[in-house]
Amino acid sequence: MKGLVFTELVEFIEEALGFDVADMMIEKANLAHGGAFTQAGNYPFEELLALVVSLSEVTQKSIPDLLFLFGEHLFERILALYPMAAHGYENVINFVATVDDRVHVEVKKTISRC
């Protein structure tokens, strides 16, 4: 999973709930690399899951509620960083439904250039 998702999660928690909560989330998740992420990096999905589970335990908020709030934040950030990515979509559901297909097309283009 792209590092952008991880860095945005940490930044979102820092802004919404504070640095202490973000630190507790990372510490409780017990990640192999200590929770140091870069936007350009790639990380296992399991690490994102560990962060969300630990955040739920720290905040006593449900995982679905946390994912909903973070999803809103992440979509706004993606639109701000990559406005052309969502061009032509009527809503977030239509956009998300096509992300996987669009990503695979771009990966295939990149691989064919190598």
PDB file of N, CA and C in Angstrom:
ATOM      1  N   MET A   1       0.847  -1.164   0.000  1.00  0.00           N
ATOM      2  CA  MET A   1       0.000   0.000   0.000  1.00  0.00           C
ATOM      3  C   MET A   1       0.899   1.235   0.000  1.00  0.00           C
ATOM      4  N   LYS A   2       0.478   2.248  -0.733  1.00  0.00           N
ATOM      5  CA  LYS A   2       1.292   3.462  -0.862  1.00  0.00           C
ATOM      6  C   LYS A   2       1.456   4.186   0.470  1.00  0.00           C
ATOM      7  N   GLY A   3       2.656   4.702   0.651  1.00  0.00           N
ATOM      8  CA  GLY A   3       2.985   5.419   1.871  1.00  0.00           C
ATOM      9  C   GLY A   3       2.119   6.638   2.106  1.00  0.00           C
ATOM     10  N   LEU A   4       1.596   7.215   1.033  1.00  0.00           N
ATOM     11  CA  LEU A   4       0.720   8.378   1.165  1.00  0.00           C
ATOM     12  C   LEU A   4      -0.443   8.087   2.114  1.00  0.00           C
ATOM     13  N   VAL A   5      -0.992   6.895   2.037  1.00  0.00           N
ATOM     14  CA  VAL A   5      -2.115   6.531   2.906  1.00  0.00           C
ATOM     15  C   VAL A   5      -1.666   6.547   4.368  1.00  0.00           C
ATOM     16  N   PHE A   6      -0.474   6.036   4.626  1.00  0.00           N
ATOM     17  CA  PHE A   6       0.044   5.980   5.997  1.00  0.00           C
ATOM     18  C   PHE A   6       0.376   7.376   6.526  1.00  0.00           C
ATOM     19  N   THR A   7       1.061   8.170   5.705  1.00  0.00           N
ATOM     20  CA  THR A   7       1.432   9.509   6.176  1.00  0.00           C
ATOM     21  C   THR A   7       0.196  10.365   6.399  1.00  0.00           C
ATOM     22  N   GLU A   8      -0.800  10.213   5.550  1.00  0.00           N
ATOM     23  CA  GLU A   8      -2.038  10.971   5.729  1.00  0.00           C
ATOM     24  C   GLU A   8      -2.792  10.517   6.974  1.00  0.00           C
ATOM     25  N   LEU A   9      -2.760   9.219   7.267  1.00  0.00           N
ATOM     26  CA  LEU A   9      -3.418   8.744   8.484  1.00  0.00           C
ATOM     27  C   LEU A   9      -2.770   9.372   9.711  1.00  0.00           C
ATOM     28  N   VAL A  10      -1.451   9.337   9.769  1.00  0.00           N
ATOM     29  CA  VAL A  10      -0.752   9.896  10.928  1.00  0.00           C
ATOM     30  C   VAL A  10      -1.024  11.395  11.038  1.00  0.00           C
ATOM     31  N   GLU A  11      -0.939  12.117   9.923  1.00  0.00           N
ATOM     32  CA  GLU A  11      -1.197  13.560   9.953  1.00  0.00           C
ATOM     33  C   GLU A  11      -2.638  13.862  10.363  1.00  0.00           C
ATOM     34  N   PHE A  12      -3.577  13.075   9.860  1.00  0.00           N
ATOM     35  CA  PHE A  12      -4.986  13.258  10.211  1.00  0.00           C
ATOM     36  C   PHE A  12      -5.195  13.079  11.712  1.00  0.00           C
ATOM     37  N   ILE A  13      -4.605  12.042  12.276  1.00  0.00           N
ATOM     38  CA  ILE A  13      -4.755  11.789  13.713  1.00  0.00           C
ATOM     39  C   ILE A  13      -4.083  12.890  14.516  1.00  0.00           C
ATOM     40  N   GLU A  14      -2.907  13.325  14.084  1.00  0.00           N
ATOM     41  CA  GLU A  14      -2.223  14.419  14.787  1.00  0.00           C
ATOM     42  C   GLU A  14      -3.080  15.680  14.814  1.00  0.00           C
ATOM     43  N   GLU A  15      -3.693  16.001  13.664  1.00  0.00           N
ATOM     44  CA  GLU A  15      -4.510  17.212  13.571  1.00  0.00           C
ATOM     45  C   GLU A  15      -5.842  17.069  14.309  1.00  0.00           C
ATOM     46  N   ALA A  16      -6.479  15.916  14.175  1.00  0.00           N
ATOM     47  CA  ALA A  16      -7.820  15.739  14.744  1.00  0.00           C
ATOM     48  C   ALA A  16      -7.806  15.390  16.231  1.00  0.00           C
ATOM     49  N   LEU A  17      -6.820  14.601  16.646  1.00  0.00           N
ATOM     50  CA  LEU A  17      -6.832  14.087  18.021  1.00  0.00           C
ATOM     51  C   LEU A  17      -5.586  14.424  18.823  1.00  0.00           C
ATOM     52  N   GLY A  18      -4.571  14.931  18.150  1.00  0.00           N
ATOM     53  CA  GLY A  18      -3.366  15.344  18.857  1.00  0.00           C
ATOM     54  C   GLY A  18      -2.177  14.410  18.646  1.00  0.00           C
ATOM     55  N   PHE A  19      -1.007  14.963  18.912  1.00  0.00           N
ATOM     56  CA  PHE A  19       0.239  14.218  18.737  1.00  0.00           C
ATOM     57  C   PHE A  19       0.329  13.037  19.704  1.00  0.00           C
ATOM     58  N   ASP A  20      -0.173  13.218  20.908  1.00  0.00           N
ATOM     59  CA  ASP A  20      -0.110  12.134  21.895  1.00  0.00           C
ATOM     60  C   ASP A  20      -0.893  10.912  21.431  1.00  0.00           C
ATOM     61  N   VAL A  21      -2.071  11.139  20.877  1.00  0.00           N
ATOM     62  CA  VAL A  21      -2.893  10.022  20.391  1.00  0.00           C
ATOM     63  C   VAL A  21      -2.200   9.346  19.209  1.00  0.00           C
ATOM     64  N   ALA A  22      -1.623  10.137  18.304  1.00  0.00           N
ATOM     65  CA  ALA A  22      -0.899   9.561  17.168  1.00  0.00           C
ATOM     66  C   ALA A  22       0.271   8.711  17.654  1.00  0.00           C
ATOM     67  N   ASP A  23       1.007   9.216  18.625  1.00  0.00           N
ATOM     68  CA  ASP A  23       2.134   8.453  19.177  1.00  0.00           C
ATOM     69  C   ASP A  23       1.664   7.160  19.838  1.00  0.00           C
ATOM     70  N   MET A  24       0.576   7.232  20.598  1.00  0.00           N
ATOM     71  CA  MET A  24       0.043   6.028  21.247  1.00  0.00           C
ATOM     72  C   MET A  24      -0.410   5.007  20.208  1.00  0.00           C
ATOM     73  N   MET A  25      -1.057   5.493  19.130  1.00  0.00           N
ATOM     74  CA  MET A  25      -1.513   4.608  18.064  1.00  0.00           C
ATOM     75  C   MET A  25      -0.329   3.860  17.471  1.00  0.00           C
ATOM     76  N   ILE A  26       0.733   4.592  17.139  1.00  0.00           N
ATOM     77  CA  ILE A  26       1.908   3.984  16.514  1.00  0.00           C
ATOM     78  C   ILE A  26       2.588   3.015  17.476  1.00  0.00           C
ATOM     79  N   GLU A  27       2.756   3.432  18.715  1.00  0.00           N
ATOM     80  CA  GLU A  27       3.426   2.576  19.703  1.00  0.00           C
ATOM     81  C   GLU A  27       2.643   1.288  19.939  1.00  0.00           C
ATOM     82  N   LYS A  28       1.331   1.411  20.097  1.00  0.00           N
ATOM     83  CA  LYS A  28       0.480   0.248  20.372  1.00  0.00           C
ATOM     84  C   LYS A  28       0.427  -0.703  19.175  1.00  0.00           C
ATOM     85  N   ALA A  29       0.587  -0.177  17.955  1.00  0.00           N
ATOM     86  CA  ALA A  29       0.555  -1.016  16.754  1.00  0.00           C
ATOM     87  C   ALA A  29       1.777  -1.918  16.659  1.00  0.00           C
ATOM     88  N   ASN A  30       2.862  -1.554  17.356  1.00  0.00           N
ATOM     89  CA  ASN A  30       4.068  -2.377  17.410  1.00  0.00           C
ATOM     90  C   ASN A  30       4.576  -2.748  16.006  1.00  0.00           C
ATOM     91  N   LEU A  31       4.793  -1.734  15.187  1.00  0.00           N
ATOM     92  CA  LEU A  31       5.236  -1.936  13.811  1.00  0.00           C
ATOM     93  C   LEU A  31       6.726  -2.246  13.759  1.00  0.00           C
ATOM     94  N   ALA A  32       7.120  -3.041  12.789  1.00  0.00           N
ATOM     95  CA  ALA A  32       8.509  -3.491  12.667  1.00  0.00           C
ATOM     96  C   ALA A  32       9.489  -2.327  12.555  1.00  0.00           C
ATOM     97  N   HIS A  33       9.117  -1.272  11.859  1.00  0.00           N
ATOM     98  CA  HIS A  33      10.028  -0.143  11.632  1.00  0.00           C
ATOM     99  C   HIS A  33       9.718   1.053  12.524  1.00  0.00           C
ATOM    100  N   GLY A  34       8.865   0.881  13.484  1.00  0.00           N
ATOM    101  CA  GLY A  34       8.577   1.938  14.442  1.00  0.00           C
ATOM    102  C   GLY A  34       7.621   3.006  13.965  1.00  0.00           C
ATOM    103  N   GLY A  35       7.004   2.823  12.815  1.00  0.00           N
ATOM    104  CA  GLY A  35       6.014   3.781  12.346  1.00  0.00           C
ATOM    105  C   GLY A  35       6.559   4.940  11.541  1.00  0.00           C
ATOM    106  N   ALA A  36       7.772   4.809  11.020  1.00  0.00           N
ATOM    107  CA  ALA A  36       8.341   5.855  10.161  1.00  0.00           C
ATOM    108  C   ALA A  36       7.921   5.566   8.722  1.00  0.00           C
ATOM    109  N   PHE A  37       7.101   6.444   8.153  1.00  0.00           N
ATOM    110  CA  PHE A  37       6.582   6.255   6.800  1.00  0.00           C
ATOM    111  C   PHE A  37       6.992   7.412   5.903  1.00  0.00           C
ATOM    112  N   THR A  38       7.126   7.128   4.613  1.00  0.00           N
ATOM    113  CA  THR A  38       7.310   8.178   3.615  1.00  0.00           C
ATOM    114  C   THR A  38       6.182   8.048   2.597  1.00  0.00           C
ATOM    115  N   GLN A  39       5.808   9.155   1.975  1.00  0.00           N
ATOM    116  CA  GLN A  39       4.731   9.110   0.985  1.00  0.00           C
ATOM    117  C   GLN A  39       5.080   8.211  -0.188  1.00  0.00           C
ATOM    118  N   ALA A  40       6.338   8.170  -0.570  1.00  0.00           N
ATOM    119  CA  ALA A  40       6.752   7.390  -1.736  1.00  0.00           C
ATOM    120  C   ALA A  40       6.972   5.917  -1.421  1.00  0.00           C
ATOM    121  N   GLY A  41       6.987   5.556  -0.149  1.00  0.00           N
ATOM    122  CA  GLY A  41       7.240   4.166   0.226  1.00  0.00           C
ATOM    123  C   GLY A  41       6.048   3.266  -0.029  1.00  0.00           C
ATOM    124  N   ASN A  42       6.285   1.991   0.082  1.00  0.00           N
ATOM    125  CA  ASN A  42       5.231   0.982   0.001  1.00  0.00           C
ATOM    126  C   ASN A  42       5.287   0.152   1.272  1.00  0.00           C
ATOM    127  N   TYR A  43       4.130  -0.092   1.865  1.00  0.00           N
ATOM    128  CA  TYR A  43       4.063  -0.776   3.151  1.00  0.00           C
ATOM    129  C   TYR A  43       2.965  -1.827   3.114  1.00  0.00           C
ATOM    130  N   PRO A  44       3.111  -2.872   3.919  1.00  0.00           N
ATOM    131  CA  PRO A  44       2.091  -3.928   3.949  1.00  0.00           C
ATOM    132  C   PRO A  44       0.750  -3.403   4.471  1.00  0.00           C
ATOM    133  N   PHE A  45      -0.310  -3.888   3.866  1.00  0.00           N
ATOM    134  CA  PHE A  45      -1.657  -3.528   4.306  1.00  0.00           C
ATOM    135  C   PHE A  45      -1.846  -3.857   5.784  1.00  0.00           C
ATOM    136  N   GLU A  46      -1.205  -4.937   6.228  1.00  0.00           N
ATOM    137  CA  GLU A  46      -1.342  -5.361   7.620  1.00  0.00           C
ATOM    138  C   GLU A  46      -0.894  -4.273   8.592  1.00  0.00           C
ATOM    139  N   GLU A  47       0.058  -3.446   8.181  1.00  0.00           N
ATOM    140  CA  GLU A  47       0.503  -2.360   9.051  1.00  0.00           C
ATOM    141  C   GLU A  47      -0.570  -1.277   9.180  1.00  0.00           C
ATOM    142  N   LEU A  48      -1.270  -1.012   8.095  1.00  0.00           N
ATOM    143  CA  LEU A  48      -2.376  -0.053   8.170  1.00  0.00           C
ATOM    144  C   LEU A  48      -3.475  -0.601   9.081  1.00  0.00           C
ATOM    145  N   LEU A  49      -3.756  -1.873   8.924  1.00  0.00           N
ATOM    146  CA  LEU A  49      -4.754  -2.514   9.775  1.00  0.00           C
ATOM    147  C   LEU A  49      -4.347  -2.436  11.246  1.00  0.00           C
ATOM    148  N   ALA A  50      -3.077  -2.696  11.534  1.00  0.00           N
ATOM    149  CA  ALA A  50      -2.590  -2.623  12.919  1.00  0.00           C
ATOM    150  C   ALA A  50      -2.753  -1.214  13.482  1.00  0.00           C
ATOM    151  N   LEU A  51      -2.488  -0.199  12.653  1.00  0.00           N
ATOM    152  CA  LEU A  51      -2.647   1.184  13.101  1.00  0.00           C
ATOM    153  C   LEU A  51      -4.105   1.506  13.419  1.00  0.00           C
ATOM    154  N   VAL A  52      -4.999   1.084  12.551  1.00  0.00           N
ATOM    155  CA  VAL A  52      -6.420   1.382  12.757  1.00  0.00           C
ATOM    156  C   VAL A  52      -6.957   0.640  13.983  1.00  0.00           C
ATOM    157  N   VAL A  53      -6.559  -0.605  14.151  1.00  0.00           N
ATOM    158  CA  VAL A  53      -6.998  -1.367  15.325  1.00  0.00           C
ATOM    159  C   VAL A  53      -6.472  -0.707  16.596  1.00  0.00           C
ATOM    160  N   SER A  54      -5.200  -0.320  16.590  1.00  0.00           N
ATOM    161  CA  SER A  54      -4.649   0.315  17.794  1.00  0.00           C
ATOM    162  C   SER A  54      -5.303   1.672  18.044  1.00  0.00           C
ATOM    163  N   LEU A  55      -5.615   2.411  16.982  1.00  0.00           N
ATOM    164  CA  LEU A  55      -6.310   3.687  17.147  1.00  0.00           C
ATOM    165  C   LEU A  55      -7.683   3.479  17.774  1.00  0.00           C
ATOM    166  N   SER A  56      -8.371   2.447  17.338  1.00  0.00           N
ATOM    167  CA  SER A  56      -9.677   2.140  17.908  1.00  0.00           C
ATOM    168  C   SER A  56      -9.559   1.835  19.400  1.00  0.00           C
ATOM    169  N   GLU A  57      -8.535   1.093  19.759  1.00  0.00           N
ATOM    170  CA  GLU A  57      -8.332   0.762  21.177  1.00  0.00           C
ATOM    171  C   GLU A  57      -7.976   2.002  21.995  1.00  0.00           C
ATOM    172  N   VAL A  58      -7.144   2.872  21.433  1.00  0.00           N
ATOM    173  CA  VAL A  58      -6.713   4.080  22.147  1.00  0.00           C
ATOM    174  C   VAL A  58      -7.872   5.057  22.329  1.00  0.00           C
ATOM    175  N   THR A  59      -8.690   5.211  21.290  1.00  0.00           N
ATOM    176  CA  THR A  59      -9.757   6.221  21.317  1.00  0.00           C
ATOM    177  C   THR A  59     -11.105   5.676  21.773  1.00  0.00           C
ATOM    178  N   GLN A  60     -11.240   4.347  21.787  1.00  0.00           N
ATOM    179  CA  GLN A  60     -12.522   3.709  22.096  1.00  0.00           C
ATOM    180  C   GLN A  60     -13.590   4.059  21.057  1.00  0.00           C
ATOM    181  N   LYS A  61     -13.152   4.350  19.838  1.00  0.00           N
ATOM    182  CA  LYS A  61     -14.075   4.606  18.727  1.00  0.00           C
ATOM    183  C   LYS A  61     -14.093   3.363  17.838  1.00  0.00           C
ATOM    184  N   SER A  62     -15.213   3.122  17.184  1.00  0.00           N
ATOM    185  CA  SER A  62     -15.326   1.925  16.350  1.00  0.00           C
ATOM    186  C   SER A  62     -14.455   2.057  15.103  1.00  0.00           C
ATOM    187  N   ILE A  63     -13.991   0.918  14.625  1.00  0.00           N
ATOM    188  CA  ILE A  63     -13.172   0.903  13.411  1.00  0.00           C
ATOM    189  C   ILE A  63     -13.953   1.464  12.224  1.00  0.00           C
ATOM    190  N   PRO A  64     -15.217   1.065  12.004  1.00  0.00           N
ATOM    191  CA  PRO A  64     -15.957   1.661  10.887  1.00  0.00           C
ATOM    192  C   PRO A  64     -16.054   3.186  10.970  1.00  0.00           C
ATOM    193  N   ASP A  65     -16.283   3.715  12.171  1.00  0.00           N
ATOM    194  CA  ASP A  65     -16.364   5.174  12.321  1.00  0.00           C
ATOM    195  C   ASP A  65     -15.026   5.834  11.999  1.00  0.00           C
ATOM    196  N   LEU A  66     -13.937   5.244  12.477  1.00  0.00           N
ATOM    197  CA  LEU A  66     -12.608   5.802  12.207  1.00  0.00           C
ATOM    198  C   LEU A  66     -12.287   5.756  10.717  1.00  0.00           C
ATOM    199  N   LEU A  67     -12.609   4.635  10.077  1.00  0.00           N
ATOM    200  CA  LEU A  67     -12.339   4.512   8.641  1.00  0.00           C
ATOM    201  C   LEU A  67     -13.171   5.494   7.831  1.00  0.00           C
ATOM    202  N   PHE A  68     -14.404   5.712   8.245  1.00  0.00           N
ATOM    203  CA  PHE A  68     -15.254   6.681   7.550  1.00  0.00           C
ATOM    204  C   PHE A  68     -14.644   8.079   7.620  1.00  0.00           C
ATOM    205  N   LEU A  69     -14.262   8.493   8.820  1.00  0.00           N
ATOM    206  CA  LEU A  69     -13.670   9.828   8.997  1.00  0.00           C
ATOM    207  C   LEU A  69     -12.358   9.964   8.232  1.00  0.00           C
ATOM    208  N   PHE A  70     -11.518   8.946   8.320  1.00  0.00           N
ATOM    209  CA  PHE A  70     -10.249   9.002   7.603  1.00  0.00           C
ATOM    210  C   PHE A  70     -10.478   8.970   6.097  1.00  0.00           C
ATOM    211  N   GLY A  71     -11.449   8.201   5.642  1.00  0.00           N
ATOM    212  CA  GLY A  71     -11.754   8.143   4.208  1.00  0.00           C
ATOM    213  C   GLY A  71     -12.147   9.501   3.655  1.00  0.00           C
ATOM    214  N   GLU A  72     -12.951  10.235   4.408  1.00  0.00           N
ATOM    215  CA  GLU A  72     -13.315  11.595   3.986  1.00  0.00           C
ATOM    216  C   GLU A  72     -12.069  12.467   3.870  1.00  0.00           C
ATOM    217  N   HIS A  73     -11.229  12.403   4.880  1.00  0.00           N
ATOM    218  CA  HIS A  73      -9.994  13.194   4.885  1.00  0.00           C
ATOM    219  C   HIS A  73      -9.094  12.798   3.714  1.00  0.00           C
ATOM    220  N   LEU A  74      -8.887  11.501   3.537  1.00  0.00           N
ATOM    221  CA  LEU A  74      -7.973  11.027   2.495  1.00  0.00           C
ATOM    222  C   LEU A  74      -8.466  11.414   1.107  1.00  0.00           C
ATOM    223  N   PHE A  75      -9.762  11.296   0.870  1.00  0.00           N
ATOM    224  CA  PHE A  75     -10.289  11.654  -0.446  1.00  0.00           C
ATOM    225  C   PHE A  75     -10.079  13.139  -0.729  1.00  0.00           C
ATOM    226  N   GLU A  76     -10.312  13.977   0.268  1.00  0.00           N
ATOM    227  CA  GLU A  76     -10.073  15.417   0.092  1.00  0.00           C
ATOM    228  C   GLU A  76      -8.605  15.692  -0.217  1.00  0.00           C
ATOM    229  N   ARG A  77      -7.704  14.989   0.458  1.00  0.00           N
ATOM    230  CA  ARG A  77      -6.266  15.175   0.229  1.00  0.00           C
ATOM    231  C   ARG A  77      -5.859  14.702  -1.164  1.00  0.00           C
ATOM    232  N   ILE A  78      -6.403  13.573  -1.600  1.00  0.00           N
ATOM    233  CA  ILE A  78      -6.083  13.076  -2.943  1.00  0.00           C
ATOM    234  C   ILE A  78      -6.565  14.066  -3.986  1.00  0.00           C
ATOM    235  N   LEU A  79      -7.754  14.611  -3.804  1.00  0.00           N
ATOM    236  CA  LEU A  79      -8.258  15.611  -4.746  1.00  0.00           C
ATOM    237  C   LEU A  79      -7.386  16.857  -4.753  1.00  0.00           C
ATOM    238  N   ALA A  80      -6.892  17.250  -3.582  1.00  0.00           N
ATOM    239  CA  ALA A  80      -6.031  18.432  -3.504  1.00  0.00           C
ATOM    240  C   ALA A  80      -4.677  18.168  -4.153  1.00  0.00           C
ATOM    241  N   LEU A  81      -4.128  16.980  -3.947  1.00  0.00           N
ATOM    242  CA  LEU A  81      -2.803  16.653  -4.480  1.00  0.00           C
ATOM    243  C   LEU A  81      -2.844  16.269  -5.956  1.00  0.00           C
ATOM    244  N   TYR A  82      -3.917  15.590  -6.370  1.00  0.00           N
ATOM    245  CA  TYR A  82      -4.035  15.072  -7.736  1.00  0.00           C
ATOM    246  C   TYR A  82      -5.417  15.399  -8.297  1.00  0.00           C
ATOM    247  N   PRO A  83      -5.712  16.665  -8.564  1.00  0.00           N
ATOM    248  CA  PRO A  83      -7.071  17.039  -8.979  1.00  0.00           C
ATOM    249  C   PRO A  83      -7.542  16.357 -10.264  1.00  0.00           C
ATOM    250  N   MET A  84      -6.627  16.059 -11.158  1.00  0.00           N
ATOM    251  CA  MET A  84      -7.042  15.421 -12.414  1.00  0.00           C
ATOM    252  C   MET A  84      -7.437  13.957 -12.215  1.00  0.00           C
ATOM    253  N   ALA A  85      -7.036  13.361 -11.108  1.00  0.00           N
ATOM    254  CA  ALA A  85      -7.354  11.953 -10.856  1.00  0.00           C
ATOM    255  C   ALA A  85      -8.858  11.724 -10.767  1.00  0.00           C
ATOM    256  N   ALA A  86      -9.593  12.687 -10.264  1.00  0.00           N
ATOM    257  CA  ALA A  86     -11.034  12.516 -10.075  1.00  0.00           C
ATOM    258  C   ALA A  86     -11.853  13.209 -11.156  1.00  0.00           C
ATOM    259  N   HIS A  87     -11.193  13.782 -12.139  1.00  0.00           N
ATOM    260  CA  HIS A  87     -11.903  14.482 -13.207  1.00  0.00           C
ATOM    261  C   HIS A  87     -12.860  13.524 -13.920  1.00  0.00           C
ATOM    262  N   GLY A  88     -14.097  13.948 -14.073  1.00  0.00           N
ATOM    263  CA  GLY A  88     -15.083  13.171 -14.807  1.00  0.00           C
ATOM    264  C   GLY A  88     -15.926  12.235 -13.955  1.00  0.00           C
ATOM    265  N   TYR A  89     -15.700  12.214 -12.664  1.00  0.00           N
ATOM    266  CA  TYR A  89     -16.493  11.357 -11.781  1.00  0.00           C
ATOM    267  C   TYR A  89     -17.542  12.195 -11.063  1.00  0.00           C
ATOM    268  N   GLU A  90     -18.760  11.662 -11.005  1.00  0.00           N
ATOM    269  CA  GLU A  90     -19.864  12.392 -10.381  1.00  0.00           C
ATOM    270  C   GLU A  90     -19.793  12.387  -8.862  1.00  0.00           C
ATOM    271  N   ASN A  91     -19.215  11.320  -8.292  1.00  0.00           N
ATOM    272  CA  ASN A  91     -19.162  11.222  -6.833  1.00  0.00           C
ATOM    273  C   ASN A  91     -18.024  10.304  -6.412  1.00  0.00           C
ATOM    274  N   VAL A  92     -17.788  10.262  -5.120  1.00  0.00           N
ATOM    275  CA  VAL A  92     -16.673   9.489  -4.581  1.00  0.00           C
ATOM    276  C   VAL A  92     -16.851   7.989  -4.832  1.00  0.00           C
ATOM    277  N   ILE A  93     -18.070   7.496  -4.804  1.00  0.00           N
ATOM    278  CA  ILE A  93     -18.314   6.065  -5.020  1.00  0.00           C
ATOM    279  C   ILE A  93     -17.881   5.660  -6.422  1.00  0.00           C
ATOM    280  N   ASN A  94     -18.243   6.450  -7.428  1.00  0.00           N
ATOM    281  CA  ASN A  94     -17.833   6.143  -8.800  1.00  0.00           C
ATOM    282  C   ASN A  94     -16.318   6.211  -8.952  1.00  0.00           C
ATOM    283  N   PHE A  95     -15.702   7.169  -8.303  1.00  0.00           N
ATOM    284  CA  PHE A  95     -14.245   7.305  -8.352  1.00  0.00           C
ATOM    285  C   PHE A  95     -13.567   6.087  -7.736  1.00  0.00           C
ATOM    286  N   VAL A  96     -13.962   5.736  -6.528  1.00  0.00           N
ATOM    287  CA  VAL A  96     -13.326   4.624  -5.817  1.00  0.00           C
ATOM    288  C   VAL A  96     -13.534   3.305  -6.557  1.00  0.00           C
ATOM    289  N   ALA A  97     -14.688   3.133  -7.175  1.00  0.00           N
ATOM    290  CA  ALA A  97     -14.980   1.891  -7.888  1.00  0.00           C
ATOM    291  C   ALA A  97     -14.029   1.645  -9.051  1.00  0.00           C
ATOM    292  N   THR A  98     -13.407   2.690  -9.574  1.00  0.00           N
ATOM    293  CA  THR A  98     -12.524   2.525 -10.731  1.00  0.00           C
ATOM    294  C   THR A  98     -11.038   2.640 -10.394  1.00  0.00           C
ATOM    295  N   VAL A  99     -10.707   2.940  -9.157  1.00  0.00           N
ATOM    296  CA  VAL A  99      -9.299   3.152  -8.796  1.00  0.00           C
ATOM    297  C   VAL A  99      -8.458   1.925  -9.099  1.00  0.00           C
ATOM    298  N   ASP A 100      -8.920   0.751  -8.699  1.00  0.00           N
ATOM    299  CA  ASP A 100      -8.132  -0.461  -8.892  1.00  0.00           C
ATOM    300  C   ASP A 100      -7.826  -0.688 -10.371  1.00  0.00           C
ATOM    301  N   ASP A 101      -8.823  -0.533 -11.233  1.00  0.00           N
ATOM    302  CA  ASP A 101      -8.602  -0.715 -12.669  1.00  0.00           C
ATOM    303  C   ASP A 101      -7.622   0.316 -13.215  1.00  0.00           C
ATOM    304  N   ARG A 102      -7.732   1.550 -12.771  1.00  0.00           N
ATOM    305  CA  ARG A 102      -6.846   2.614 -13.252  1.00  0.00           C
ATOM    306  C   ARG A 102      -5.419   2.392 -12.781  1.00  0.00           C
ATOM    307  N   VAL A 103      -5.254   1.944 -11.563  1.00  0.00           N
ATOM    308  CA  VAL A 103      -3.914   1.707 -11.031  1.00  0.00           C
ATOM    309  C   VAL A 103      -3.231   0.594 -11.814  1.00  0.00           C
ATOM    310  N   HIS A 104      -3.945  -0.493 -12.095  1.00  0.00           N
ATOM    311  CA  HIS A 104      -3.342  -1.601 -12.829  1.00  0.00           C
ATOM    312  C   HIS A 104      -2.919  -1.183 -14.230  1.00  0.00           C
ATOM    313  N   VAL A 105      -3.694  -0.332 -14.885  1.00  0.00           N
ATOM    314  CA  VAL A 105      -3.321   0.170 -16.210  1.00  0.00           C
ATOM    315  C   VAL A 105      -2.016   0.947 -16.127  1.00  0.00           C
ATOM    316  N   GLU A 106      -1.888   1.817 -15.133  1.00  0.00           N
ATOM    317  CA  GLU A 106      -0.665   2.611 -14.974  1.00  0.00           C
ATOM    318  C   GLU A 106       0.531   1.734 -14.625  1.00  0.00           C
ATOM    319  N   VAL A 107       0.319   0.715 -13.812  1.00  0.00           N
ATOM    320  CA  VAL A 107       1.412  -0.203 -13.465  1.00  0.00           C
ATOM    321  C   VAL A 107       1.879  -0.943 -14.709  1.00  0.00           C
ATOM    322  N   LYS A 108       0.952  -1.415 -15.526  1.00  0.00           N
ATOM    323  CA  LYS A 108       1.319  -2.120 -16.756  1.00  0.00           C
ATOM    324  C   LYS A 108       2.106  -1.210 -17.693  1.00  0.00           C
ATOM    325  N   LYS A 109       1.726   0.059 -17.799  1.00  0.00           N
ATOM    326  CA  LYS A 109       2.466   1.010 -18.628  1.00  0.00           C
ATOM    327  C   LYS A 109       3.891   1.157 -18.117  1.00  0.00           C
ATOM    328  N   THR A 110       4.033   1.275 -16.817  1.00  0.00           N
ATOM    329  CA  THR A 110       5.349   1.445 -16.210  1.00  0.00           C
ATOM    330  C   THR A 110       6.208   0.215 -16.447  1.00  0.00           C
ATOM    331  N   ILE A 111       5.641  -0.965 -16.263  1.00  0.00           N
ATOM    332  CA  ILE A 111       6.397  -2.203 -16.447  1.00  0.00           C
ATOM    333  C   ILE A 111       6.819  -2.361 -17.898  1.00  0.00           C
ATOM    334  N   SER A 112       5.955  -2.012 -18.843  1.00  0.00           N
ATOM    335  CA  SER A 112       6.307  -2.169 -20.261  1.00  0.00           C
ATOM    336  C   SER A 112       7.433  -1.230 -20.678  1.00  0.00           C
ATOM    337  N   ARG A 113       7.616  -0.121 -19.950  1.00  0.00           N
ATOM    338  CA  ARG A 113       8.706   0.810 -20.249  1.00  0.00           C
ATOM    339  C   ARG A 113      10.043   0.328 -19.694  1.00  0.00           C
ATOM    340  N   CYS A 114      10.011  -0.607 -18.769  1.00  0.00           N
ATOM    341  CA  CYS A 114      11.256  -1.065 -18.118  1.00  0.00           C
ATOM    342  C   CYS A 114      12.041  -2.015 -18.988  1.00  0.00           C
TER     343      CYS A 114
END
